[in-house]
PDB file of N, CA and C in Angstrom:
ATOM      1  N   MET A   1     110.366 130.836 126.193  1.00  0.00           N
ATOM      2  CA  MET A   1     112.073 131.312 126.390  1.00  0.00           C
ATOM      3  C   MET A   1     112.332 132.813 125.659  1.00  0.00           C
ATOM      4  N   TRP A   2     112.459 133.387 126.312  1.00  0.00           N
ATOM      5  CA  TRP A   2     113.343 134.807 125.722  1.00  0.00           C
ATOM      6  C   TRP A   2     114.728 134.601 125.518  1.00  0.00           C
ATOM      7  N   LEU A   3     115.176 135.703 124.983  1.00  0.00           N
ATOM      8  CA  LEU A   3     116.451 135.946 124.312  1.00  0.00           C
ATOM      9  C   LEU A   3     117.026 137.437 124.485  1.00  0.00           C
ATOM     10  N   VAL A   4     117.854 137.495 124.648  1.00  0.00           N
ATOM     11  CA  VAL A   4     118.770 139.226 124.765  1.00  0.00           C
ATOM     12  C   VAL A   4     119.622 138.820 123.430  1.00  0.00           C
ATOM     13  N   ALA A   5     119.059 139.262 122.150  1.00  0.00           N
ATOM     14  CA  ALA A   5     119.936 138.867 121.177  1.00  0.00           C
ATOM     15  C   ALA A   5     120.914 139.670 121.148  1.00  0.00           C
ATOM     16  N   CYS A   6     121.125 140.967 121.247  1.00  0.00           N
ATOM     17  CA  CYS A   6     121.984 142.011 121.399  1.00  0.00           C
ATOM     18  C   CYS A   6     122.033 142.787 121.744  1.00  0.00           C
ATOM     19  N   LEU A   7     123.018 144.007 122.622  1.00  0.00           N
ATOM     20  CA  LEU A   7     122.348 145.116 122.923  1.00  0.00           C
ATOM     21  C   LEU A   7     123.239 146.261 122.499  1.00  0.00           C
ATOM     22  N   PHE A   8     122.644 146.948 121.620  1.00  0.00           N
ATOM     23  CA  PHE A   8     123.172 148.080 120.868  1.00  0.00           C
ATOM     24  C   PHE A   8     123.883 149.644 121.319  1.00  0.00           C
ATOM     25  N   VAL A   9     124.388 150.179 122.260  1.00  0.00           N
ATOM     26  CA  VAL A   9     124.901 151.374 123.097  1.00  0.00           C
ATOM     27  C   VAL A   9     125.345 152.297 122.220  1.00  0.00           C
ATOM     28  N   ARG A  10     125.488 153.497 121.833  1.00  0.00           N
ATOM     29  CA  ARG A  10     125.951 154.316 120.624  1.00  0.00           C
ATOM     30  C   ARG A  10     127.257 154.352 121.501  1.00  0.00           C
ATOM     31  N   ALA A  11     128.081 154.708 120.521  1.00  0.00           N
ATOM     32  CA  ALA A  11     129.418 155.250 121.310  1.00  0.00           C
ATOM     33  C   ALA A  11     129.870 156.093 122.319  1.00  0.00           C
ATOM     34  N   ASP A  12     128.652 157.576 122.108  1.00  0.00           N
ATOM     35  CA  ASP A  12     128.999 158.514 123.255  1.00  0.00           C
ATOM     36  C   ASP A  12     128.211 157.774 124.266  1.00  0.00           C
ATOM     37  N   HIS A  13     127.519 157.004 124.799  1.00  0.00           N
ATOM     38  CA  HIS A  13     126.911 156.421 125.913  1.00  0.00           C
ATOM     39  C   HIS A  13     127.459 155.509 126.655  1.00  0.00           C
ATOM     40  N   ARG A  14     128.414 154.571 126.107  1.00  0.00           N
ATOM     41  CA  ARG A  14     128.866 153.772 126.378  1.00  0.00           C
ATOM     42  C   ARG A  14     130.079 154.037 127.536  1.00  0.00           C
ATOM     43  N   ALA A  15     130.033 152.608 128.786  1.00  0.00           N
ATOM     44  CA  ALA A  15     130.737 153.018 129.908  1.00  0.00           C
ATOM     45  C   ALA A  15     130.138 154.168 131.123  1.00  0.00           C
ATOM     46  N   ARG A  16     128.778 153.129 130.785  1.00  0.00           N
ATOM     47  CA  ARG A  16     127.772 154.176 131.643  1.00  0.00           C
ATOM     48  C   ARG A  16     126.524 153.272 132.481  1.00  0.00           C
ATOM     49  N   GLY A  17     126.832 151.915 131.973  1.00  0.00           N
ATOM     50  CA  GLY A  17     126.135 151.005 132.649  1.00  0.00           C
ATOM     51  C   GLY A  17     124.798 150.751 131.808  1.00  0.00           C
ATOM     52  N   VAL A  18     124.863 151.197 130.388  1.00  0.00           N
ATOM     53  CA  VAL A  18     123.231 150.910 129.583  1.00  0.00           C
ATOM     54  C   VAL A  18     123.697 149.206 129.375  1.00  0.00           C
ATOM     55  N   PRO A  19     124.293 149.003 129.108  1.00  0.00           N
ATOM     56  CA  PRO A  19     123.963 147.821 128.556  1.00  0.00           C
ATOM     57  C   PRO A  19     123.221 146.717 130.378  1.00  0.00           C
ATOM     58  N   TYR A  20     123.767 147.100 130.757  1.00  0.00           N
ATOM     59  CA  TYR A  20     123.102 146.297 132.513  1.00  0.00           C
ATOM     60  C   TYR A  20     121.866 146.792 132.713  1.00  0.00           C
ATOM     61  N   ALA A  21     121.058 147.963 132.569  1.00  0.00           N
ATOM     62  CA  ALA A  21     120.115 148.333 132.055  1.00  0.00           C
ATOM     63  C   ALA A  21     119.180 147.986 131.155  1.00  0.00           C
ATOM     64  N   LEU A  22     119.526 148.036 130.337  1.00  0.00           N
ATOM     65  CA  LEU A  22     118.794 146.882 128.981  1.00  0.00           C
ATOM     66  C   LEU A  22     118.680 145.577 129.530  1.00  0.00           C
ATOM     67  N   VAL A  23     119.694 145.234 129.968  1.00  0.00           N
ATOM     68  CA  VAL A  23     119.543 143.560 130.341  1.00  0.00           C
ATOM     69  C   VAL A  23     118.300 143.161 131.506  1.00  0.00           C
ATOM     70  N   ARG A  24     118.749 144.631 132.133  1.00  0.00           N
ATOM     71  CA  ARG A  24     117.110 144.020 133.885  1.00  0.00           C
ATOM     72  C   ARG A  24     116.039 144.384 133.383  1.00  0.00           C
ATOM     73  N   ALA A  25     115.762 145.432 131.942  1.00  0.00           N
ATOM     74  CA  ALA A  25     114.334 145.746 131.444  1.00  0.00           C
ATOM     75  C   ALA A  25     113.865 144.525 131.060  1.00  0.00           C
ATOM     76  N   ALA A  26     114.765 144.069 129.984  1.00  0.00           N
ATOM     77  CA  ALA A  26     114.722 142.456 129.567  1.00  0.00           C
ATOM     78  C   ALA A  26     114.008 141.382 130.328  1.00  0.00           C
ATOM     79  N   VAL A  27     114.768 141.653 131.333  1.00  0.00           N
ATOM     80  CA  VAL A  27     114.273 140.262 132.452  1.00  0.00           C
ATOM     81  C   VAL A  27     113.065 140.579 132.873  1.00  0.00           C
ATOM     82  N   GLU A  28     112.864 142.149 133.468  1.00  0.00           N
ATOM     83  CA  GLU A  28     111.580 142.403 134.062  1.00  0.00           C
ATOM     84  C   GLU A  28     110.231 141.971 133.125  1.00  0.00           C
ATOM     85  N   LEU A  29     110.906 142.721 131.852  1.00  0.00           N
ATOM     86  CA  LEU A  29     109.695 142.342 130.636  1.00  0.00           C
ATOM     87  C   LEU A  29     108.859 141.203 130.508  1.00  0.00           C
ATOM     88  N   ALA A  30     110.276 140.408 130.426  1.00  0.00           N
ATOM     89  CA  ALA A  30     110.430 138.989 130.242  1.00  0.00           C
ATOM     90  C   ALA A  30     109.707 138.060 131.634  1.00  0.00           C
ATOM     91  N   ARG A  31     109.525 138.475 133.082  1.00  0.00           N
ATOM     92  CA  ARG A  31     108.743 138.053 133.862  1.00  0.00           C
ATOM     93  C   ARG A  31     107.470 138.354 133.513  1.00  0.00           C
ATOM     94  N   GLN A  32     107.126 139.849 133.514  1.00  0.00           N
ATOM     95  CA  GLN A  32     106.132 140.546 133.456  1.00  0.00           C
ATOM     96  C   GLN A  32     104.763 139.899 132.554  1.00  0.00           C
ATOM     97  N   HIS A  33     105.097 139.069 131.126  1.00  0.00           N
ATOM     98  CA  HIS A  33     104.955 138.305 130.493  1.00  0.00           C
ATOM     99  C   HIS A  33     105.009 137.352 130.474  1.00  0.00           C
ATOM    100  N   GLY A  34     105.017 136.318 131.494  1.00  0.00           N
ATOM    101  CA  GLY A  34     104.969 134.990 132.240  1.00  0.00           C
ATOM    102  C   GLY A  34     106.180 134.383 131.659  1.00  0.00           C
ATOM    103  N   ALA A  35     107.108 134.579 131.494  1.00  0.00           N
ATOM    104  CA  ALA A  35     108.447 133.629 130.952  1.00  0.00           C
ATOM    105  C   ALA A  35     108.909 133.112 131.677  1.00  0.00           C
ATOM    106  N   LEU A  36     109.255 131.936 131.725  1.00  0.00           N
ATOM    107  CA  LEU A  36     110.210 131.079 133.030  1.00  0.00           C
ATOM    108  C   LEU A  36     111.486 131.551 132.614  1.00  0.00           C
ATOM    109  N   ALA A  37     112.253 132.083 131.628  1.00  0.00           N
ATOM    110  CA  ALA A  37     113.561 131.798 131.539  1.00  0.00           C
ATOM    111  C   ALA A  37     114.112 132.966 130.734  1.00  0.00           C
ATOM    112  N   ILE A  38     114.767 133.142 130.840  1.00  0.00           N
ATOM    113  CA  ILE A  38     115.535 133.940 129.668  1.00  0.00           C
ATOM    114  C   ILE A  38     116.986 133.725 128.919  1.00  0.00           C
ATOM    115  N   GLU A  39     117.527 134.138 127.976  1.00  0.00           N
ATOM    116  CA  GLU A  39     118.858 133.571 127.408  1.00  0.00           C
ATOM    117  C   GLU A  39     119.577 134.872 126.876  1.00  0.00           C
ATOM    118  N   GLY A  40     120.848 134.528 126.977  1.00  0.00           N
ATOM    119  CA  GLY A  40     121.774 135.581 126.415  1.00  0.00           C
ATOM    120  C   GLY A  40     122.781 134.804 125.777  1.00  0.00           C
ATOM    121  N   TRP A  41     123.556 134.952 124.623  1.00  0.00           N
ATOM    122  CA  TRP A  41     124.613 134.551 124.363  1.00  0.00           C
ATOM    123  C   TRP A  41     125.711 135.126 123.985  1.00  0.00           C
ATOM    124  N   PRO A  42     126.354 135.664 125.472  1.00  0.00           N
ATOM    125  CA  PRO A  42     127.399 136.846 125.389  1.00  0.00           C
ATOM    126  C   PRO A  42     128.770 135.994 124.848  1.00  0.00           C
ATOM    127  N   ILE A  43     129.332 136.825 124.639  1.00  0.00           N
ATOM    128  CA  ILE A  43     131.247 136.778 124.549  1.00  0.00           C
ATOM    129  C   ILE A  43     131.656 136.244 125.943  1.00  0.00           C
ATOM    130  N   ALA A  44     132.441 134.956 125.787  1.00  0.00           N
ATOM    131  CA  ALA A  44     132.822 134.528 127.114  1.00  0.00           C
ATOM    132  C   ALA A  44     134.435 134.879 127.520  1.00  0.00           C
ATOM    133  N   GLY A  45     135.218 135.219 128.356  1.00  0.00           N
ATOM    134  CA  GLY A  45     136.234 135.998 128.975  1.00  0.00           C
ATOM    135  C   GLY A  45     136.305 137.610 128.551  1.00  0.00           C
ATOM    136  N   SER A  46     137.123 138.161 128.860  1.00  0.00           N
ATOM    137  CA  SER A  46     137.218 139.686 129.032  1.00  0.00           C
ATOM    138  C   SER A  46     137.823 140.084 128.376  1.00  0.00           C
ATOM    139  N   ASP A  47     137.958 140.021 126.699  1.00  0.00           N
ATOM    140  CA  ASP A  47     138.455 140.946 125.837  1.00  0.00           C
ATOM    141  C   ASP A  47     137.598 141.792 125.601  1.00  0.00           C
ATOM    142  N   ARG A  48     137.865 143.340 126.317  1.00  0.00           N
ATOM    143  CA  ARG A  48     136.767 144.397 126.105  1.00  0.00           C
ATOM    144  C   ARG A  48     137.015 144.918 124.841  1.00  0.00           C
ATOM    145  N   HIS A  49     137.491 144.420 123.782  1.00  0.00           N
ATOM    146  CA  HIS A  49     137.864 145.203 122.236  1.00  0.00           C
ATOM    147  C   HIS A  49     137.470 144.139 121.034  1.00  0.00           C
ATOM    148  N   SER A  50     136.841 143.237 121.869  1.00  0.00           N
ATOM    149  CA  SER A  50     136.173 141.829 121.055  1.00  0.00           C
ATOM    150  C   SER A  50     135.417 142.827 119.815  1.00  0.00           C
ATOM    151  N   ALA A  51     134.984 142.580 119.077  1.00  0.00           N
ATOM    152  CA  ALA A  51     133.761 143.003 118.014  1.00  0.00           C
ATOM    153  C   ALA A  51     132.798 142.793 118.290  1.00  0.00           C
ATOM    154  N   GLY A  52     132.961 141.428 118.810  1.00  0.00           N
ATOM    155  CA  GLY A  52     131.621 140.878 119.017  1.00  0.00           C
ATOM    156  C   GLY A  52     130.959 141.261 119.897  1.00  0.00           C
ATOM    157  N   ALA A  53     131.019 142.139 121.483  1.00  0.00           N
ATOM    158  CA  ALA A  53     130.858 142.604 122.348  1.00  0.00           C
ATOM    159  C   ALA A  53     129.617 142.794 122.414  1.00  0.00           C
ATOM    160  N   PHE A  54     128.838 143.350 121.265  1.00  0.00           N
ATOM    161  CA  PHE A  54     127.157 143.893 121.752  1.00  0.00           C
ATOM    162  C   PHE A  54     126.195 142.594 121.808  1.00  0.00           C
ATOM    163  N   VAL A  55     127.055 141.949 121.613  1.00  0.00           N
ATOM    164  CA  VAL A  55     125.788 140.488 122.609  1.00  0.00           C
ATOM    165  C   VAL A  55     126.172 140.490 124.319  1.00  0.00           C
ATOM    166  N   GLY A  56     126.739 141.483 124.619  1.00  0.00           N
ATOM    167  CA  GLY A  56     127.339 140.907 125.818  1.00  0.00           C
ATOM    168  C   GLY A  56     128.005 140.948 125.991  1.00  0.00           C
ATOM    169  N   ARG A  57     128.702 140.861 127.361  1.00  0.00           N
ATOM    170  CA  ARG A  57     129.934 139.732 128.165  1.00  0.00           C
ATOM    171  C   ARG A  57     129.694 138.981 129.150  1.00  0.00           C
ATOM    172  N   GLN A  58     129.821 137.877 129.176  1.00  0.00           N
ATOM    173  CA  GLN A  58     129.404 136.914 130.072  1.00  0.00           C
ATOM    174  C   GLN A  58     129.843 137.397 131.719  1.00  0.00           C
ATOM    175  N   SER A  59     130.370 138.156 131.931  1.00  0.00           N
ATOM    176  CA  SER A  59     130.747 138.861 133.381  1.00  0.00           C
ATOM    177  C   SER A  59     129.511 139.338 133.948  1.00  0.00           C
ATOM    178  N   MET A  60     129.096 140.479 132.777  1.00  0.00           N
ATOM    179  CA  MET A  60     127.809 141.457 132.757  1.00  0.00           C
ATOM    180  C   MET A  60     126.359 140.048 132.826  1.00  0.00           C
ATOM    181  N   PHE A  61     126.073 138.942 132.554  1.00  0.00           N
ATOM    182  CA  PHE A  61     125.205 138.160 132.411  1.00  0.00           C
ATOM    183  C   PHE A  61     125.423 137.670 134.128  1.00  0.00           C
ATOM    184  N   GLU A  62     126.419 137.423 134.255  1.00  0.00           N
ATOM    185  CA  GLU A  62     126.826 136.767 135.629  1.00  0.00           C
ATOM    186  C   GLU A  62     126.097 137.408 136.656  1.00  0.00           C
ATOM    187  N   ASP A  63     126.911 138.596 136.434  1.00  0.00           N
ATOM    188  CA  ASP A  63     126.604 140.067 137.700  1.00  0.00           C
ATOM    189  C   ASP A  63     124.967 140.313 137.819  1.00  0.00           C
ATOM    190  N   LEU A  64     124.297 140.080 136.655  1.00  0.00           N
ATOM    191  CA  LEU A  64     122.636 140.042 137.021  1.00  0.00           C
ATOM    192  C   LEU A  64     121.849 138.798 136.765  1.00  0.00           C
ATOM    193  N   GLY A  65     122.404 138.008 137.189  1.00  0.00           N
ATOM    194  CA  GLY A  65     121.952 136.217 138.413  1.00  0.00           C
ATOM    195  C   GLY A  65     121.524 135.141 137.318  1.00  0.00           C
ATOM    196  N   PHE A  66     122.642 135.670 135.869  1.00  0.00           N
ATOM    197  CA  PHE A  66     122.767 134.559 134.914  1.00  0.00           C
ATOM    198  C   PHE A  66     123.493 133.525 135.282  1.00  0.00           C
ATOM    199  N   ARG A  67     122.854 132.165 135.186  1.00  0.00           N
ATOM    200  CA  ARG A  67     124.408 131.229 134.816  1.00  0.00           C
ATOM    201  C   ARG A  67     124.648 130.779 133.489  1.00  0.00           C
ATOM    202  N   ARG A  68     125.579 130.270 133.648  1.00  0.00           N
ATOM    203  CA  ARG A  68     126.353 129.430 132.389  1.00  0.00           C
ATOM    204  C   ARG A  68     125.571 128.114 132.130  1.00  0.00           C
ATOM    205  N   VAL A  69     125.106 128.352 130.964  1.00  0.00           N
ATOM    206  CA  VAL A  69     124.374 126.485 131.152  1.00  0.00           C
ATOM    207  C   VAL A  69     125.411 125.824 129.770  1.00  0.00           C
ATOM    208  N   ALA A  70     126.020 126.618 128.640  1.00  0.00           N
ATOM    209  CA  ALA A  70     126.451 125.623 127.961  1.00  0.00           C
ATOM    210  C   ALA A  70     127.433 126.551 127.443  1.00  0.00           C
ATOM    211  N   SER A  71     128.237 126.029 126.738  1.00  0.00           N
ATOM    212  CA  SER A  71     129.856 126.592 125.351  1.00  0.00           C
ATOM    213  C   SER A  71     129.510 126.334 124.444  1.00  0.00           C
ATOM    214  N   PRO A  72     128.559 126.578 123.936  1.00  0.00           N
ATOM    215  CA  PRO A  72     128.539 126.964 121.760  1.00  0.00           C
ATOM    216  C   PRO A  72     130.122 126.099 121.342  1.00  0.00           C
ATOM    217  N   ASP A  73     130.617 127.595 121.654  1.00  0.00           N
ATOM    218  CA  ASP A  73     131.788 127.938 121.583  1.00  0.00           C
ATOM    219  C   ASP A  73     133.319 128.367 122.137  1.00  0.00           C
ATOM    220  N   PRO A  74     134.479 128.715 121.647  1.00  0.00           N
ATOM    221  CA  PRO A  74     135.257 129.304 123.007  1.00  0.00           C
ATOM    222  C   PRO A  74     135.150 130.700 122.911  1.00  0.00           C
ATOM    223  N   GLN A  75     134.887 131.071 122.552  1.00  0.00           N
ATOM    224  CA  GLN A  75     134.264 132.340 122.825  1.00  0.00           C
ATOM    225  C   GLN A  75     133.040 132.783 123.100  1.00  0.00           C
ATOM    226  N   ARG A  76     132.040 131.879 123.059  1.00  0.00           N
ATOM    227  CA  ARG A  76     130.519 132.080 123.193  1.00  0.00           C
ATOM    228  C   ARG A  76     130.151 131.369 124.663  1.00  0.00           C
ATOM    229  N   ALA A  77     129.214 131.767 125.231  1.00  0.00           N
ATOM    230  CA  ALA A  77     128.595 130.805 126.320  1.00  0.00           C
ATOM    231  C   ALA A  77     127.280 131.039 126.066  1.00  0.00           C
ATOM    232  N   LEU A  78     126.521 130.490 126.440  1.00  0.00           N
ATOM    233  CA  LEU A  78     124.849 130.154 126.706  1.00  0.00           C
ATOM    234  C   LEU A  78     124.869 130.396 127.874  1.00  0.00           C
ATOM    235  N   MET A  79     123.819 131.615 128.285  1.00  0.00           N
ATOM    236  CA  MET A  79     123.552 132.109 129.953  1.00  0.00           C
ATOM    237  C   MET A  79     122.230 132.051 130.069  1.00  0.00           C
ATOM    238  N   ARG A  80     121.694 132.047 131.351  1.00  0.00           N
ATOM    239  CA  ARG A  80     120.724 131.756 131.488  1.00  0.00           C
ATOM    240  C   ARG A  80     120.079 131.838 132.651  1.00  0.00           C
ATOM    241  N   ARG A  81     118.834 132.577 133.015  1.00  0.00           N
ATOM    242  CA  ARG A  81     118.377 133.192 133.963  1.00  0.00           C
ATOM    243  C   ARG A  81     116.658 132.477 134.328  1.00  0.00           C
ATOM    244  N   GLU A  82     116.693 132.360 135.268  1.00  0.00           N
ATOM    245  CA  GLU A  82     115.232 131.233 135.409  1.00  0.00           C
ATOM    246  C   GLU A  82     114.588 132.326 136.165  1.00  0.00           C
ATOM    247  N   LEU A  83     113.187 132.372 135.810  1.00  0.00           N
ATOM    248  CA  LEU A  83     112.434 133.686 136.422  1.00  0.00           C
ATOM    249  C   LEU A  83     111.686 133.712 137.311  1.00  0.00           C
ATOM    250  N   THR A  84     111.750 132.224 138.190  1.00  0.00           N
ATOM    251  CA  THR A  84     110.631 131.518 139.388  1.00  0.00           C
ATOM    252  C   THR A  84     111.141 132.698 140.292  1.00  0.00           C
ATOM    253  N   ASP A  85     112.210 133.490 140.609  1.00  0.00           N
ATOM    254  CA  ASP A  85     112.199 134.393 141.868  1.00  0.00           C
ATOM    255  C   ASP A  85     110.920 135.088 141.647  1.00  0.00           C
ATOM    256  N   ALA A  86     110.737 136.387 142.745  1.00  0.00           N
ATOM    257  CA  ALA A  86     109.939 137.036 143.110  1.00  0.00           C
ATOM    258  C   ALA A  86     109.632 137.919 142.578  1.00  0.00           C
ATOM    259  N   PRO A  87     108.465 138.429 141.530  1.00  0.00           N
ATOM    260  CA  PRO A  87     108.048 139.675 140.906  1.00  0.00           C
ATOM    261  C   PRO A  87     108.626 140.612 141.307  1.00  0.00           C
ATOM    262  N   GLY A  88     109.713 141.612 140.141  1.00  0.00           N
ATOM    263  CA  GLY A  88     110.351 142.711 140.822  1.00  0.00           C
ATOM    264  C   GLY A  88     111.848 142.394 140.935  1.00  0.00           C
ATOM    265  N   GLN A  89     111.855 141.076 141.731  1.00  0.00           N
ATOM    266  CA  GLN A  89     113.577 141.094 142.869  1.00  0.00           C
ATOM    267  C   GLN A  89     114.285 140.965 141.429  1.00  0.00           C
ATOM    268  N   GLN A  90     115.781 141.562 141.279  1.00  0.00           N
ATOM    269  CA  GLN A  90     116.730 141.973 140.768  1.00  0.00           C
ATOM    270  C   GLN A  90     117.826 141.617 141.769  1.00  0.00           C
ATOM    271  N   PRO A  91     118.918 141.294 140.930  1.00  0.00           N
ATOM    272  CA  PRO A  91     119.984 141.263 141.548  1.00  0.00           C
ATOM    273  C   PRO A  91     120.582 142.642 141.700  1.00  0.00           C
TER     274      PRO A  91
END
């Protein structure tokens, strides 16, 4: 199991889709190394100004084919993407 722990994007590069590119690259790297799944623990909900947003947002993980598998607390979601799909396939 692989984990996307956090996503740091410099302030002058935000709002350009960088987190999406980072997670896509992490999914592909995990797949290339034989991982069966990859997880993230993003912020749940849509608070755009959350201090914890460096872990990503649930909506971004959903957009990238992850599904919510648990809610460890009201502000966090455990998201997982199974990597049994074809190599190179991306949402």
